[in-house]
N, C-alpha and C. Protein backbone atom coordinates (compact mmCIF):
# COMPACT_ATOMS: atom_id res chain seq x y z
N UNK A 1 40.47 104.03 163.16
CA UNK A 1 41.23 103.79 162.14
C UNK A 1 41.45 102.28 161.97
N UNK A 2 41.46 101.79 160.74
CA UNK A 2 41.76 100.37 160.49
C UNK A 2 43.22 100.04 161.04
N UNK A 3 43.55 98.91 161.38
CA UNK A 3 45.05 98.45 161.80
C UNK A 3 45.78 98.55 160.54
N UNK A 4 46.77 99.22 160.64
CA UNK A 4 47.93 99.33 159.48
C UNK A 4 49.09 98.49 159.94
N UNK A 5 49.72 97.81 158.65
CA UNK A 5 50.71 96.96 158.72
C UNK A 5 51.56 97.54 157.57
N UNK A 6 53.05 96.99 157.80
CA UNK A 6 54.01 97.42 156.82
C UNK A 6 53.59 97.73 155.37
N UNK A 7 52.60 96.65 154.94
CA UNK A 7 52.35 96.65 153.57
C UNK A 7 51.41 97.85 153.24
N UNK A 8 50.71 98.57 154.30
CA UNK A 8 49.95 99.69 154.16
C UNK A 8 50.67 101.12 153.88
N UNK A 9 51.87 101.15 154.26
CA UNK A 9 52.57 102.40 154.17
C UNK A 9 53.26 102.53 152.88
N UNK A 10 53.17 103.93 152.44
CA UNK A 10 53.86 104.25 151.19
C UNK A 10 54.73 105.46 151.45
N UNK A 11 55.91 105.49 150.64
CA UNK A 11 56.54 106.88 150.90
C UNK A 11 55.79 108.01 150.48
N UNK A 12 55.97 109.12 151.20
CA UNK A 12 55.18 110.33 150.99
C UNK A 12 53.94 110.42 151.88
N UNK A 13 53.46 109.14 152.37
CA UNK A 13 52.25 109.21 153.27
C UNK A 13 52.51 109.96 154.31
N UNK A 14 51.49 110.78 155.14
CA UNK A 14 51.64 111.63 156.18
C UNK A 14 50.55 111.25 157.15
N UNK A 15 51.00 111.42 158.44
CA UNK A 15 49.86 111.19 159.46
C UNK A 15 50.00 112.21 160.41
N UNK A 16 49.02 112.90 160.99
CA UNK A 16 48.84 113.93 161.83
C UNK A 16 48.25 113.65 163.25
N UNK A 17 48.88 113.94 164.31
CA UNK A 17 48.34 113.85 165.60
C UNK A 17 47.56 114.79 166.15
N UNK A 18 46.83 114.65 167.05
CA UNK A 18 46.04 115.62 167.76
C UNK A 18 47.20 116.47 168.65
N UNK A 19 47.07 117.48 169.50
CA UNK A 19 47.76 118.17 170.18
C UNK A 19 47.69 117.82 171.93
N UNK A 20 48.83 118.09 172.39
CA UNK A 20 48.85 117.99 173.97
C UNK A 20 49.61 119.21 174.44
N UNK A 21 48.91 119.81 175.56
CA UNK A 21 49.51 121.00 176.08
C UNK A 21 50.37 120.61 177.37
N UNK A 22 51.59 121.20 177.46
CA UNK A 22 52.42 120.82 178.59
C UNK A 22 52.33 121.81 179.64
N UNK A 23 51.89 121.44 180.92
CA UNK A 23 51.69 122.30 181.97
C UNK A 23 53.07 122.44 182.73
N UNK A 24 53.27 123.74 183.43
CA UNK A 24 54.42 123.92 184.34
C UNK A 24 54.62 122.68 185.12
N UNK A 25 53.57 122.08 185.81
CA UNK A 25 53.96 121.07 186.83
C UNK A 25 54.42 119.83 186.07
N UNK A 26 54.00 119.65 184.85
CA UNK A 26 54.31 118.44 184.15
C UNK A 26 55.88 118.52 183.72
N UNK A 27 56.26 119.80 183.38
CA UNK A 27 57.59 120.21 182.88
C UNK A 27 58.59 119.93 184.26
N UNK A 28 58.03 120.40 185.37
CA UNK A 28 58.74 120.40 186.66
C UNK A 28 58.89 118.85 187.06
N UNK A 29 57.99 118.10 186.99
CA UNK A 29 57.99 116.90 187.33
C UNK A 29 58.98 115.90 186.56
N UNK A 30 58.82 116.29 185.23
CA UNK A 30 59.83 115.37 184.44
C UNK A 30 61.22 115.75 184.57
N UNK A 31 61.36 117.25 184.83
CA UNK A 31 62.84 117.50 185.05
C UNK A 31 63.41 117.04 186.39
N UNK A 32 62.56 116.92 187.43
CA UNK A 32 62.83 116.40 188.79
C UNK A 32 63.30 114.92 188.55
N UNK A 33 62.68 114.20 187.86
CA UNK A 33 62.93 112.87 187.78
C UNK A 33 64.10 112.58 186.67
N UNK A 34 64.08 113.27 185.61
CA UNK A 34 64.97 112.76 184.49
C UNK A 34 66.03 113.71 183.96
N UNK A 35 65.77 114.94 184.16
CA UNK A 35 66.58 116.03 183.44
C UNK A 35 66.81 117.27 184.32
N UNK A 36 67.34 117.15 185.47
CA UNK A 36 67.28 118.22 186.43
C UNK A 36 68.17 119.56 186.28
N UNK A 37 68.34 119.82 184.96
CA UNK A 37 69.14 121.08 184.68
C UNK A 37 68.13 122.27 185.18
N UNK A 38 68.85 123.40 185.61
CA UNK A 38 68.16 124.51 186.12
C UNK A 38 66.90 125.15 185.34
N UNK A 39 67.20 125.17 183.91
CA UNK A 39 66.26 125.73 183.04
C UNK A 39 65.00 124.84 182.83
N UNK A 40 65.10 123.56 183.41
CA UNK A 40 63.93 122.71 183.20
C UNK A 40 63.25 122.75 184.60
N UNK A 41 63.94 123.10 185.70
CA UNK A 41 63.50 122.55 187.02
C UNK A 41 63.33 123.81 188.07
N UNK A 42 63.99 125.05 187.68
CA UNK A 42 63.86 125.99 188.63
C UNK A 42 63.53 127.50 188.02
N UNK A 43 62.18 127.92 188.17
CA UNK A 43 61.86 128.95 187.59
C UNK A 43 62.53 130.17 187.71
N UNK A 44 63.21 130.54 188.90
CA UNK A 44 64.01 131.71 189.06
C UNK A 44 65.35 131.57 188.27
N UNK A 45 66.01 130.44 188.39
CA UNK A 45 67.29 130.30 187.69
C UNK A 45 66.94 130.47 186.22
N UNK A 46 65.86 129.64 185.67
CA UNK A 46 65.62 129.63 184.28
C UNK A 46 65.33 130.91 183.80
N UNK A 47 64.85 132.00 184.64
CA UNK A 47 64.37 133.41 184.09
C UNK A 47 65.82 134.09 183.83
N UNK A 48 66.89 133.76 184.46
CA UNK A 48 68.24 134.27 184.21
C UNK A 48 69.20 133.39 183.23
N UNK A 49 68.54 132.17 182.82
CA UNK A 49 69.39 131.46 181.93
C UNK A 49 69.27 131.85 180.55
N UNK A 50 69.86 130.87 179.79
CA UNK A 50 69.82 131.18 178.35
C UNK A 50 68.66 131.12 177.55
N UNK A 51 67.52 130.50 178.04
CA UNK A 51 66.15 130.54 177.52
C UNK A 51 65.25 131.62 177.99
N UNK A 52 65.65 132.30 179.00
CA UNK A 52 64.88 133.53 179.56
C UNK A 52 63.55 132.81 180.01
N UNK A 53 63.62 131.81 180.66
CA UNK A 53 62.39 131.13 181.41
C UNK A 53 62.37 129.58 181.37
N UNK A 54 61.46 129.22 182.01
CA UNK A 54 61.43 127.61 182.23
C UNK A 54 61.08 126.93 180.79
N UNK A 55 61.70 125.95 180.47
CA UNK A 55 61.45 125.12 179.40
C UNK A 55 61.21 123.70 179.50
N UNK A 56 60.62 122.99 178.66
CA UNK A 56 60.50 121.61 178.83
C UNK A 56 61.79 120.85 178.31
N UNK A 57 62.25 119.80 179.07
CA UNK A 57 63.41 119.09 178.41
C UNK A 57 63.13 118.44 177.14
N UNK A 58 64.05 118.40 176.23
CA UNK A 58 63.88 117.83 174.90
C UNK A 58 63.49 116.45 174.79
N UNK A 59 63.97 115.74 176.01
CA UNK A 59 63.62 114.36 176.06
C UNK A 59 62.19 114.18 176.40
N UNK A 60 61.62 115.13 177.21
CA UNK A 60 60.09 115.12 177.49
C UNK A 60 59.35 115.52 176.28
N UNK A 61 59.87 116.29 175.58
CA UNK A 61 59.09 116.63 174.17
C UNK A 61 59.04 115.35 173.37
N UNK A 62 60.28 114.71 173.20
CA UNK A 62 60.33 113.48 172.50
C UNK A 62 59.39 112.36 172.95
N UNK A 63 59.18 112.15 174.27
CA UNK A 63 58.31 111.19 174.81
C UNK A 63 56.85 111.70 174.50
N UNK A 64 56.62 113.04 174.78
CA UNK A 64 55.33 113.36 174.33
C UNK A 64 54.92 113.27 172.94
N UNK A 65 55.72 113.39 172.07
CA UNK A 65 55.58 113.19 170.57
C UNK A 65 55.37 111.80 170.46
N UNK A 66 56.02 110.85 170.88
CA UNK A 66 55.82 109.54 170.65
C UNK A 66 54.38 109.11 171.20
N UNK A 67 54.15 109.46 172.27
CA UNK A 67 52.71 109.11 172.91
C UNK A 67 51.64 109.78 172.00
N UNK A 68 51.74 110.88 171.48
CA UNK A 68 50.70 111.47 170.60
C UNK A 68 50.58 110.76 169.31
N UNK A 69 51.78 110.46 168.70
CA UNK A 69 51.63 109.74 167.41
C UNK A 69 51.05 108.25 167.74
N UNK A 70 51.51 107.60 168.91
CA UNK A 70 50.88 106.17 169.11
C UNK A 70 49.38 106.38 169.44
N UNK A 71 48.95 107.43 169.90
CA UNK A 71 47.43 107.44 170.40
C UNK A 71 46.77 107.49 168.90
N UNK A 72 47.36 107.99 167.78
CA UNK A 72 46.72 107.98 166.65
C UNK A 72 46.42 106.56 166.01
N UNK A 73 47.10 105.58 166.65
CA UNK A 73 46.97 104.13 166.27
C UNK A 73 47.38 103.81 164.82
N UNK A 74 48.47 104.49 164.38
CA UNK A 74 49.01 104.38 163.20
C UNK A 74 50.13 103.29 163.11
N UNK A 75 50.81 103.03 164.29
CA UNK A 75 51.87 102.02 164.43
C UNK A 75 51.36 100.78 165.44
N UNK A 76 50.29 101.13 165.97
CA UNK A 76 49.92 100.07 167.15
C UNK A 76 49.90 98.70 166.77
N UNK A 77 49.44 98.33 165.87
CA UNK A 77 49.15 97.05 165.29
C UNK A 77 50.30 96.32 164.78
N UNK A 78 51.28 97.12 164.19
CA UNK A 78 52.37 96.62 163.40
C UNK A 78 53.74 96.74 164.12
N UNK A 79 54.00 97.63 165.06
CA UNK A 79 55.16 97.82 165.67
C UNK A 79 55.86 96.63 166.14
N UNK A 80 57.22 96.42 165.88
CA UNK A 80 58.04 95.46 166.40
C UNK A 80 59.19 96.10 166.98
N UNK A 81 59.05 97.41 167.41
CA UNK A 81 60.20 97.98 167.91
C UNK A 81 61.02 98.84 166.86
N UNK A 82 62.16 99.35 167.37
CA UNK A 82 62.90 100.29 166.67
C UNK A 82 64.42 100.19 167.05
N UNK A 83 65.17 100.13 166.10
CA UNK A 83 66.75 100.09 166.24
C UNK A 83 67.28 101.42 166.78
N UNK A 84 66.50 102.41 166.60
CA UNK A 84 66.97 103.71 167.05
C UNK A 84 66.38 104.97 166.11
N UNK A 85 66.85 106.15 166.51
CA UNK A 85 66.35 107.43 165.77
C UNK A 85 67.75 107.97 165.17
N UNK A 86 67.44 108.80 164.23
CA UNK A 86 68.40 109.31 163.50
C UNK A 86 68.05 111.04 163.40
N UNK A 87 69.10 111.84 163.45
CA UNK A 87 68.95 113.30 163.17
C UNK A 87 67.98 113.96 164.03
N UNK A 88 67.89 113.63 165.43
CA UNK A 88 67.13 114.21 166.32
C UNK A 88 67.50 115.74 166.54
N UNK A 89 66.65 116.71 166.47
CA UNK A 89 67.06 118.02 166.52
C UNK A 89 66.07 118.86 167.53
N UNK A 90 66.54 119.44 168.43
CA UNK A 90 65.55 120.34 169.20
C UNK A 90 65.82 121.85 168.55
N UNK A 91 64.80 122.42 168.02
CA UNK A 91 65.09 123.57 167.32
C UNK A 91 64.46 124.70 168.00
N UNK A 92 63.34 124.53 168.84
CA UNK A 92 62.88 125.76 169.66
C UNK A 92 62.43 125.04 171.07
N UNK A 93 62.59 126.00 172.05
CA UNK A 93 62.17 125.73 173.35
C UNK A 93 60.55 125.38 173.37
N UNK A 94 60.23 124.36 174.27
CA UNK A 94 58.70 124.13 174.48
C UNK A 94 58.66 124.77 176.02
N UNK A 95 57.73 125.53 176.02
CA UNK A 95 57.41 126.43 177.38
C UNK A 95 56.31 125.85 178.01
N UNK A 96 56.00 126.14 179.28
CA UNK A 96 54.65 125.81 179.86
C UNK A 96 53.44 126.42 179.08
N UNK A 97 52.55 125.74 178.93
CA UNK A 97 51.27 126.07 178.27
C UNK A 97 51.45 125.99 176.65
N UNK A 98 52.60 125.65 176.15
CA UNK A 98 52.73 125.18 174.59
C UNK A 98 51.98 123.99 174.43
N UNK A 99 51.32 123.84 173.26
CA UNK A 99 50.74 122.67 172.66
C UNK A 99 51.45 122.33 171.55
N UNK A 100 51.93 120.99 171.75
CA UNK A 100 52.61 120.33 170.63
C UNK A 100 51.90 119.26 169.91
N UNK A 101 52.14 119.06 168.46
CA UNK A 101 51.41 117.90 167.95
C UNK A 101 52.46 117.51 166.79
N UNK A 102 52.32 116.42 166.36
CA UNK A 102 53.37 115.48 165.54
C UNK A 102 52.80 115.18 164.19
N UNK A 103 53.51 115.45 163.21
CA UNK A 103 53.39 114.94 161.80
C UNK A 103 54.50 113.96 161.50
N UNK A 104 53.93 112.78 161.02
CA UNK A 104 54.97 111.69 160.63
C UNK A 104 54.84 111.57 159.09
N UNK A 105 55.89 111.43 158.39
CA UNK A 105 55.98 111.28 157.00
C UNK A 105 56.69 110.05 156.62
N UNK A 106 56.21 109.16 155.83
CA UNK A 106 56.99 107.91 155.51
C UNK A 106 57.93 108.13 154.65
N UNK A 107 59.41 108.11 154.80
CA UNK A 107 60.52 108.58 153.97
C UNK A 107 60.86 107.31 153.12
N UNK A 108 60.92 106.00 153.77
CA UNK A 108 61.49 104.95 153.00
C UNK A 108 61.01 103.64 153.34
N UNK A 109 60.77 102.60 152.68
CA UNK A 109 60.09 101.48 152.91
C UNK A 109 60.84 100.32 152.34
N UNK A 110 61.25 99.15 153.33
CA UNK A 110 62.34 98.24 152.65
C UNK A 110 61.82 96.83 153.40
N UNK A 111 61.26 95.94 152.65
CA UNK A 111 60.91 94.62 153.22
C UNK A 111 62.23 93.88 153.71
N UNK A 112 62.15 93.14 154.72
CA UNK A 112 63.35 92.43 155.15
C UNK A 112 63.52 91.18 154.30
N UNK A 113 64.75 91.03 154.01
CA UNK A 113 65.30 90.06 153.12
C UNK A 113 65.40 88.60 153.92
N UNK A 114 65.61 88.70 155.23
CA UNK A 114 65.83 87.40 155.91
C UNK A 114 64.50 87.14 156.79
N UNK A 115 63.54 88.04 156.95
CA UNK A 115 62.55 87.75 157.84
C UNK A 115 61.13 88.30 156.97
N UNK A 116 60.60 87.34 156.23
CA UNK A 116 59.36 87.75 155.35
C UNK A 116 58.21 88.38 156.31
N UNK A 117 58.20 88.27 157.58
CA UNK A 117 56.99 88.55 158.35
C UNK A 117 57.09 90.16 158.69
N UNK A 118 58.18 90.76 158.30
CA UNK A 118 58.49 92.27 158.77
C UNK A 118 59.10 93.08 157.50
N UNK A 119 59.17 94.34 157.95
CA UNK A 119 59.97 95.24 157.03
C UNK A 119 60.32 96.47 157.88
N UNK A 120 61.25 97.31 157.32
CA UNK A 120 61.70 98.51 158.07
C UNK A 120 61.26 99.81 157.20
N UNK A 121 60.67 100.53 158.11
CA UNK A 121 60.16 101.86 157.67
C UNK A 121 60.90 103.03 158.16
N UNK A 122 61.43 103.96 157.36
CA UNK A 122 62.02 105.14 157.91
C UNK A 122 60.96 106.31 157.83
N UNK A 123 60.81 106.96 158.91
CA UNK A 123 59.63 108.00 158.98
C UNK A 123 60.23 109.31 159.60
N UNK A 124 60.04 110.42 158.95
CA UNK A 124 60.49 111.78 159.47
C UNK A 124 59.29 112.19 160.29
N UNK A 125 59.66 112.78 161.49
CA UNK A 125 58.72 113.47 162.39
C UNK A 125 59.05 114.89 162.60
N UNK A 126 58.08 115.57 162.56
CA UNK A 126 58.12 117.17 162.63
C UNK A 126 57.05 117.50 163.77
N UNK A 127 57.71 118.07 164.95
CA UNK A 127 56.91 118.26 165.97
C UNK A 127 56.91 119.96 166.15
N UNK A 128 55.58 120.33 166.15
CA UNK A 128 55.33 121.70 165.98
C UNK A 128 54.52 122.16 167.42
N UNK A 129 54.57 123.66 167.69
CA UNK A 129 53.91 124.17 168.73
C UNK A 129 52.52 124.79 168.17
N UNK A 130 52.00 125.50 169.01
CA UNK A 130 50.45 126.04 168.63
C UNK A 130 50.59 127.10 167.72
N UNK A 131 51.80 127.66 167.34
CA UNK A 131 51.96 128.76 166.38
C UNK A 131 52.51 128.06 164.99
N UNK A 132 52.47 126.72 164.92
CA UNK A 132 52.94 126.10 163.76
C UNK A 132 54.52 126.19 163.54
N UNK A 133 55.25 126.54 164.71
CA UNK A 133 56.77 126.49 164.56
C UNK A 133 57.28 125.22 164.98
N UNK A 134 58.30 124.62 164.24
CA UNK A 134 58.67 123.28 164.44
C UNK A 134 59.63 123.47 165.66
N UNK A 135 59.48 122.64 166.71
CA UNK A 135 60.32 122.63 167.88
C UNK A 135 61.11 121.52 167.82
N UNK A 136 60.86 120.37 167.18
CA UNK A 136 61.76 119.20 167.27
C UNK A 136 61.59 118.47 165.80
N UNK A 137 62.71 117.81 165.35
CA UNK A 137 62.48 116.90 164.18
C UNK A 137 63.36 115.74 164.57
N UNK A 138 62.98 114.62 164.09
CA UNK A 138 63.76 113.45 164.06
C UNK A 138 63.33 112.42 163.03
N UNK A 139 64.23 111.38 162.67
CA UNK A 139 63.86 110.17 161.89
C UNK A 139 63.82 109.07 162.64
N UNK A 140 62.68 108.37 162.55
CA UNK A 140 62.71 107.00 163.38
C UNK A 140 62.80 105.74 162.36
N UNK A 141 63.55 104.91 162.66
CA UNK A 141 63.67 103.62 161.99
C UNK A 141 62.74 102.56 162.66
N UNK A 142 61.63 102.24 161.89
CA UNK A 142 60.53 101.40 162.66
C UNK A 142 60.71 99.96 161.97
N UNK A 143 60.55 99.12 162.87
CA UNK A 143 60.46 97.63 162.32
C UNK A 143 58.97 97.21 162.35
N UNK A 144 58.38 97.01 161.44
CA UNK A 144 56.83 96.81 161.25
C UNK A 144 56.49 95.28 160.86
N UNK A 145 55.53 94.84 161.36
CA UNK A 145 54.88 93.55 161.01
C UNK A 145 54.27 93.71 159.60
N UNK A 146 54.49 92.70 158.83
CA UNK A 146 53.56 92.56 157.57
C UNK A 146 52.15 91.93 157.93
N UNK A 147 51.22 92.04 156.81
CA UNK A 147 50.05 91.49 157.01
C UNK A 147 50.27 89.92 156.85
N UNK A 148 49.42 89.16 157.70
CA UNK A 148 49.49 87.79 157.34
C UNK A 148 49.14 87.31 156.20
N UNK A 149 49.69 86.32 155.62
CA UNK A 149 49.38 85.89 154.21
C UNK A 149 48.00 85.24 154.03
């Protein structure tokens, strides 16, 4: 894919990632380091917990989604960071063996008034599992570089 910059994006434009399958060991490793709740870390406790089994941390799902989208090289050339996310929702659990993929849709585009070398893009992200069920949604506020004059 050719390098994209702020100027190349238009509202309604969509980008789809490939998938990634989360293994039980990946879920356990992430939970041990970052989110040690029993339903992420302990198979026996998780079996009796609210999700009837081990599930990935929502934060892990978010990290995997970002990595998948970044690997598509949509934002690699233009990303100047982000002031944050809006409306992050975890809608379904991600279990060992689930394959997730990400669709990003450009929601809004605003050139910077004070810094002509950049603009702000709002993108809606939809993360689905192998059954096409939405497991997570969020809106990212991206700051993207503009093409050089």
